[in-house]
C-alpha atoms as a PDB file:
ATOM      1  CA  MET A   1     -50.329  19.107  22.964  1.00  0.00           C
ATOM      2  CA  PRO A   2     -51.458  17.357  26.112  1.00  0.00           C
ATOM      3  CA  SER A   3     -53.191  19.407  28.869  1.00  0.00           C
ATOM      4  CA  SER A   4     -51.523  19.755  32.231  1.00  0.00           C
ATOM      5  CA  ARG A   5     -54.824  20.429  33.968  1.00  0.00           C
ATOM      6  CA  GLU A   6     -55.927  18.304  36.818  1.00  0.00           C
ATOM      7  CA  PRO A   7     -59.371  16.620  36.641  1.00  0.00           C
ATOM      8  CA  ASP A   8     -62.037  18.295  38.648  1.00  0.00           C
ATOM      9  CA  TRP A   9     -63.180  15.307  40.818  1.00  0.00           C
ATOM     10  CA  GLY A  10     -65.285  17.592  43.043  1.00  0.00           C
ATOM     11  CA  GLU A  11     -67.328  18.713  40.057  1.00  0.00           C
ATOM     12  CA  LEU A  12     -67.795  15.067  38.911  1.00  0.00           C
ATOM     13  CA  ARG A  13     -68.942  14.169  42.445  1.00  0.00           C
ATOM     14  CA  PHE A  14     -71.476  17.029  42.552  1.00  0.00           C
ATOM     15  CA  SER A  15     -72.641  16.137  39.031  1.00  0.00           C
ATOM     16  CA  LEU A  16     -73.458  12.565  40.137  1.00  0.00           C
ATOM     17  CA  LEU A  17     -75.411  13.838  43.153  1.00  0.00           C
ATOM     18  CA  ARG A  18     -77.315  16.333  40.934  1.00  0.00           C
ATOM     19  CA  ARG A  19     -78.168  13.666  38.423  1.00  0.00           C
ATOM     20  CA  ARG A  20     -79.373  11.276  41.088  1.00  0.00           C
ATOM     21  CA  LYS A  21     -81.491  14.041  42.751  1.00  0.00           C
ATOM     22  CA  GLU A  22     -82.915  15.202  39.429  1.00  0.00           C
ATOM     23  CA  ALA A  23     -83.949  11.679  38.591  1.00  0.00           C
ATOM     24  CA  GLY A  24     -85.625  11.419  41.983  1.00  0.00           C
ATOM     25  CA  TRP A  25     -83.625   8.364  42.947  1.00  0.00           C
ATOM     26  CA  THR A  26     -82.373   7.310  46.376  1.00  0.00           C
ATOM     27  CA  LEU A  27     -78.970   5.756  46.678  1.00  0.00           C
ATOM     28  CA  ASP A  28     -80.712   2.419  46.959  1.00  0.00           C
ATOM     29  CA  GLN A  29     -82.571   2.957  43.726  1.00  0.00           C
ATOM     30  CA  LEU A  30     -79.343   4.041  41.881  1.00  0.00           C
ATOM     31  CA  ALA A  31     -77.527   1.067  43.241  1.00  0.00           C
ATOM     32  CA  GLU A  32     -80.199  -1.207  42.003  1.00  0.00           C
ATOM     33  CA  ARG A  33     -80.419   0.351  38.482  1.00  0.00           C
ATOM     34  CA  SER A  34     -76.619   0.572  38.093  1.00  0.00           C
ATOM     35  CA  SER A  35     -75.394  -2.650  39.850  1.00  0.00           C
ATOM     36  CA  VAL A  36     -72.955  -0.415  41.746  1.00  0.00           C
ATOM     37  CA  ALA A  37     -72.931  -1.061  45.505  1.00  0.00           C
ATOM     38  CA  ARG A  38     -74.623   1.528  47.665  1.00  0.00           C
ATOM     39  CA  ARG A  39     -71.483   1.877  49.737  1.00  0.00           C
ATOM     40  CA  SER A  40     -69.525   2.714  46.580  1.00  0.00           C
ATOM     41  CA  LEU A  41     -72.083   5.356  45.587  1.00  0.00           C
ATOM     42  CA  VAL A  42     -71.836   6.926  49.060  1.00  0.00           C
ATOM     43  CA  GLN A  43     -68.102   7.038  48.749  1.00  0.00           C
ATOM     44  CA  LEU A  44     -68.283   8.615  45.254  1.00  0.00           C
ATOM     45  CA  GLU A  45     -70.740  11.266  46.351  1.00  0.00           C
ATOM     46  CA  ALA A  46     -68.716  12.063  49.455  1.00  0.00           C
ATOM     47  CA  GLY A  47     -65.436  12.353  47.500  1.00  0.00           C
ATOM     48  CA  GLU A  48     -63.925   9.411  49.345  1.00  0.00           C
ATOM     49  CA  SER A  49     -63.453   7.430  46.114  1.00  0.00           C
ATOM     50  CA  LYS A  50     -62.862   8.290  42.474  1.00  0.00           C
ATOM     51  CA  GLY A  51     -64.356   4.972  41.164  1.00  0.00           C
ATOM     52  CA  SER A  52     -63.268   2.982  38.188  1.00  0.00           C
ATOM     53  CA  VAL A  53     -64.044   3.352  34.571  1.00  0.00           C
ATOM     54  CA  GLU A  54     -66.340   0.306  34.916  1.00  0.00           C
ATOM     55  CA  THR A  55     -68.242   2.035  37.783  1.00  0.00           C
ATOM     56  CA  TRP A  56     -68.668   5.282  35.786  1.00  0.00           C
ATOM     57  CA  PHE A  57     -69.807   3.259  32.748  1.00  0.00           C
ATOM     58  CA  LYS A  58     -72.444   1.517  34.803  1.00  0.00           C
ATOM     59  CA  LEU A  59     -73.621   4.810  36.179  1.00  0.00           C
ATOM     60  CA  ALA A  60     -73.899   6.308  32.682  1.00  0.00           C
ATOM     61  CA  GLU A  61     -75.924   3.308  31.607  1.00  0.00           C
ATOM     62  CA  ALA A  62     -78.216   3.749  34.569  1.00  0.00           C
ATOM     63  CA  PHE A  63     -78.791   7.390  33.617  1.00  0.00           C
ATOM     64  CA  ASP A  64     -79.145   6.411  29.992  1.00  0.00           C
ATOM     65  CA  ILE A  65     -76.348   8.719  28.808  1.00  0.00           C
ATOM     66  CA  GLU A  66     -72.954   8.292  27.153  1.00  0.00           C
ATOM     67  CA  ILE A  67     -69.945   7.806  29.477  1.00  0.00           C
ATOM     68  CA  GLY A  68     -68.399  10.895  27.913  1.00  0.00           C
ATOM     69  CA  GLU A  69     -71.372  12.919  29.150  1.00  0.00           C
ATOM     70  CA  MET A  70     -71.084  11.274  32.506  1.00  0.00           C
ATOM     71  CA  LEU A  71     -67.370  12.123  32.799  1.00  0.00           C
ATOM     72  CA  GLY A  72     -67.585  15.531  31.165  1.00  0.00           C
ATOM     73  CA  PRO A  73     -67.675  17.369  34.485  1.00  0.00           C
ATOM     74  CA  LEU A  74     -64.094  16.214  35.163  1.00  0.00           C
ATOM     75  CA  TYR A  75     -63.291  19.329  33.107  1.00  0.00           C
ATOM     76  CA  GLY A  76     -65.299  21.600  35.414  1.00  0.00           C
ATOM     77  CA  PRO A  77     -68.405  23.615  34.734  1.00  0.00           C
ATOM     78  CA  THR A  78     -66.848  26.155  32.481  1.00  0.00           C
ATOM     79  CA  ARG A  79     -63.750  24.267  31.222  1.00  0.00           C
ATOM     80  CA  SER A  80     -63.518  22.621  27.839  1.00  0.00           C
ATOM     81  CA  ARG A  81     -61.243  20.004  26.504  1.00  0.00           C
ATOM     82  CA  ASP A  82     -58.245  21.153  24.579  1.00  0.00           C
ATOM     83  CA  ARG A  83     -58.028  19.704  21.188  1.00  0.00           C
END
């Protein structure tokens, strides 16, 4: 049965910021490592853009994690996916 919950874009945005800070990277460094434009990163972290699957895939690759782990925060910090 499909879930009617809305994705938690705010949590995903904060997760990206946390990952970048924990890695000790500037926006410029993440842009270079991910091939995602700095302006796009600023928009993602500010909640002005949701990004594309391709963008999130590139970011996951930059952090050396699976895309599922990168997008996991869409379910919020305490939510889990219904199966």
